[in-house]
Amino acid sequence: MATHSPTTARAVMKPVPQPSPIARMFPRVIVALAAYIEAERDAESDWATDPACMEWLHDAERARSTVLCQIQSITDQTLRDHGDFALKATAMLAGILIRASSTAEFLQAYALLGSHPGAFGAPTGSSARVQQMLQTARERLAELGTLSACVDPYDAEVEAELATAS
């Protein structure tokens, strides 16, 4: 009969740290955000007025509700890890940007990324995975600014002119 003998003593082995629930859910937010951006781009295209492409508008609505649902699942979680604050803050900011009712509201919320870098950046000691998720999320948030559903191109020009004039 064989006996079990581990090659490493149990006292030497360390438990492998598991990612927090927020860190496990955040990639789904990034994927849903990318799908929403792509669906909005489709809905904004010239083909969207064609009756054969009306499903694109429904796809954009479904993608919007999916990403907001994913964001809500993160905001309902409690902070457990030191990287959770930045992930949760970024998810909340994404929700605010998507729900913005005007260009001014969008630009004001988007400015938080620059004015509070510590809240949306990876804290020292955070894993490379958290840093990469935050970097990817920043890229997706910047892509939101290119959508006319979030920023009216004519209002953005007015906002830029007002910002340079003052």
Protein backbone atom coordinates (compact mmCIF):
# COMPACT_ATOMS: atom_id res chain seq x y z
CA MET A 1 0.00 0.00 0.00
CA ALA A 2 1.33 3.42 -0.97
CA THR A 3 1.68 6.16 1.56
CA HIS A 4 1.29 9.83 0.78
CA SER A 5 4.40 11.89 1.40
CA PRO A 6 4.45 15.47 0.12
CA THR A 7 7.73 16.81 -1.20
CA THR A 8 7.26 20.17 0.53
CA ALA A 9 6.50 20.44 4.21
CA ARG A 10 3.15 22.06 5.00
CA ALA A 11 4.77 24.63 7.26
CA VAL A 12 6.78 25.98 4.32
CA MET A 13 3.84 26.37 1.91
CA LYS A 14 2.04 29.70 1.81
CA PRO A 15 -1.56 30.13 0.79
CA VAL A 16 -2.03 31.61 -2.67
CA PRO A 17 -3.81 34.96 -2.37
CA GLN A 18 -7.12 35.00 -4.18
CA PRO A 19 -8.35 38.13 -5.99
CA SER A 20 -11.18 40.01 -4.35
CA PRO A 21 -14.73 39.81 -5.73
CA ILE A 22 -14.33 43.28 -7.26
CA ALA A 23 -11.11 42.25 -9.01
CA ARG A 24 -12.83 39.12 -10.33
CA MET A 25 -15.86 41.08 -11.63
CA PHE A 26 -14.03 44.05 -13.13
CA PRO A 27 -12.96 42.30 -16.36
CA ARG A 28 -16.66 41.74 -17.11
CA VAL A 29 -17.21 45.48 -16.80
CA ILE A 30 -14.38 46.16 -19.26
CA VAL A 31 -15.81 43.65 -21.75
CA ALA A 32 -19.34 45.03 -21.36
CA LEU A 33 -18.04 48.58 -21.75
CA ALA A 34 -16.23 47.65 -24.96
CA ALA A 35 -19.39 45.97 -26.28
CA TYR A 36 -21.41 49.08 -25.42
CA ILE A 37 -18.95 51.35 -27.22
CA GLU A 38 -19.01 49.13 -30.30
CA ALA A 39 -22.81 48.94 -30.30
CA GLU A 40 -23.07 52.73 -29.99
CA ARG A 41 -20.64 53.16 -32.88
CA ASP A 42 -22.81 50.87 -34.98
CA ALA A 43 -25.92 52.83 -34.01
CA GLU A 44 -24.22 56.11 -34.93
CA SER A 45 -23.18 54.93 -38.38
CA ASP A 46 -24.91 56.10 -41.52
CA TRP A 47 -26.40 52.67 -42.00
CA ALA A 48 -28.35 52.90 -38.73
CA THR A 49 -31.15 54.81 -40.46
CA ASP A 50 -31.71 51.89 -42.83
CA PRO A 51 -34.72 49.84 -41.64
CA ALA A 52 -32.70 46.67 -42.16
CA CYS A 53 -30.25 47.87 -39.51
CA MET A 54 -32.74 48.97 -36.85
CA GLU A 55 -31.65 46.04 -34.71
CA TRP A 56 -28.42 47.97 -34.09
CA LEU A 57 -30.35 50.45 -31.95
CA HIS A 58 -31.76 47.61 -29.88
CA ASP A 59 -28.27 46.13 -29.55
CA ALA A 60 -26.99 49.46 -28.23
CA GLU A 61 -29.79 49.62 -25.67
CA ARG A 62 -29.10 46.06 -24.52
CA ALA A 63 -25.36 46.75 -24.31
CA ARG A 64 -26.02 49.88 -22.24
CA SER A 65 -28.21 48.03 -19.77
CA THR A 66 -25.68 45.17 -19.57
CA VAL A 67 -22.75 47.44 -18.77
CA LEU A 68 -24.78 49.37 -16.18
CA CYS A 69 -25.83 46.09 -14.57
CA GLN A 70 -22.18 44.94 -14.42
CA ILE A 71 -21.19 48.29 -12.90
CA GLN A 72 -23.95 47.99 -10.30
CA SER A 73 -22.69 44.54 -9.30
CA ILE A 74 -19.30 46.08 -8.51
CA THR A 75 -20.68 49.09 -6.64
CA ASP A 76 -22.69 46.74 -4.43
CA GLN A 77 -19.50 44.99 -3.25
CA THR A 78 -17.54 45.97 -0.17
CA LEU A 79 -13.86 46.87 -0.43
CA ARG A 80 -11.59 44.01 0.54
CA ASP A 81 -8.23 44.56 -1.15
CA HIS A 82 -6.11 47.70 -1.48
CA GLY A 83 -6.70 47.77 -5.26
CA ASP A 84 -10.48 47.56 -4.84
CA PHE A 85 -10.94 51.28 -4.21
CA ALA A 86 -9.53 52.30 -7.59
CA LEU A 87 -11.47 49.57 -9.40
CA LYS A 88 -14.72 50.51 -7.72
CA ALA A 89 -14.16 54.23 -8.28
CA THR A 90 -13.42 53.62 -11.97
CA ALA A 91 -16.54 51.50 -12.37
CA MET A 92 -18.65 54.16 -10.67
CA LEU A 93 -17.15 56.84 -12.92
CA ALA A 94 -17.97 54.74 -15.99
CA GLY A 95 -21.59 54.55 -14.83
CA ILE A 96 -21.73 58.31 -14.32
CA LEU A 97 -20.26 58.92 -17.77
CA ILE A 98 -22.73 56.57 -19.45
CA ARG A 99 -25.69 58.13 -17.63
CA ALA A 100 -24.56 61.74 -18.29
CA SER A 101 -27.47 63.72 -19.69
CA SER A 102 -25.38 66.47 -21.30
CA THR A 103 -21.95 67.08 -22.72
CA ALA A 104 -21.12 69.44 -19.86
CA GLU A 105 -22.02 66.78 -17.29
CA PHE A 106 -19.92 64.20 -19.15
CA LEU A 107 -16.89 66.48 -19.40
CA GLN A 108 -17.17 67.50 -15.77
CA ALA A 109 -17.23 63.86 -14.64
CA TYR A 110 -14.45 62.87 -17.06
CA ALA A 111 -12.25 65.64 -15.63
CA LEU A 112 -12.21 63.70 -12.33
CA LEU A 113 -9.68 61.31 -13.88
CA GLY A 114 -7.14 64.12 -14.10
CA SER A 115 -8.05 66.01 -10.95
CA HIS A 116 -8.03 62.93 -8.67
CA PRO A 117 -5.40 60.57 -10.11
CA GLY A 118 -4.96 58.76 -6.80
CA ALA A 119 -8.58 57.66 -6.72
CA PHE A 120 -8.47 56.12 -10.20
CA GLY A 121 -4.88 54.89 -10.29
CA ALA A 122 -3.40 51.64 -9.09
CA PRO A 123 -2.04 52.01 -5.57
CA THR A 124 1.53 51.02 -4.86
CA GLY A 125 1.81 47.35 -4.13
CA SER A 126 -1.17 46.40 -6.26
CA SER A 127 -0.87 43.50 -8.62
CA ALA A 128 0.04 43.86 -12.28
CA ARG A 129 -3.41 42.51 -13.09
CA VAL A 130 -5.12 45.39 -11.26
CA GLN A 131 -2.81 47.91 -12.93
CA GLN A 132 -3.61 46.49 -16.37
CA MET A 133 -7.37 46.48 -15.69
CA LEU A 134 -7.25 50.14 -14.64
CA GLN A 135 -5.20 51.08 -17.70
CA THR A 136 -7.64 49.30 -20.02
CA ALA A 137 -10.59 50.92 -18.26
CA ARG A 138 -9.04 54.37 -18.77
CA GLU A 139 -8.73 53.64 -22.48
CA ARG A 140 -12.40 52.60 -22.64
CA LEU A 141 -13.46 55.74 -20.75
CA ALA A 142 -11.56 57.85 -23.28
CA GLU A 143 -13.38 56.00 -26.07
CA LEU A 144 -16.70 56.95 -24.46
CA GLY A 145 -15.84 60.57 -25.20
CA THR A 146 -15.84 59.81 -28.93
CA LEU A 147 -19.48 58.71 -28.91
CA SER A 148 -22.16 61.20 -29.80
CA ALA A 149 -24.41 59.42 -27.29
CA CYS A 150 -22.13 60.77 -24.55
CA VAL A 151 -20.66 63.95 -26.05
CA ASP A 152 -22.44 66.05 -28.62
CA PRO A 153 -19.69 67.01 -31.08
CA TYR A 154 -21.06 70.53 -31.41
CA ASP A 155 -21.26 70.99 -27.63
CA ALA A 156 -17.72 69.65 -27.25
CA GLU A 157 -16.40 72.35 -29.57
CA VAL A 158 -18.23 74.98 -27.57
CA GLU A 159 -16.85 73.52 -24.32
CA ALA A 160 -13.30 73.51 -25.73
CA GLU A 161 -13.65 77.10 -26.88
CA LEU A 162 -14.92 78.15 -23.46
CA ALA A 163 -12.08 76.33 -21.71
CA THR A 164 -9.41 77.99 -23.85
CA ALA A 165 -11.03 81.41 -23.54
CA SER A 166 -10.96 81.44 -19.75
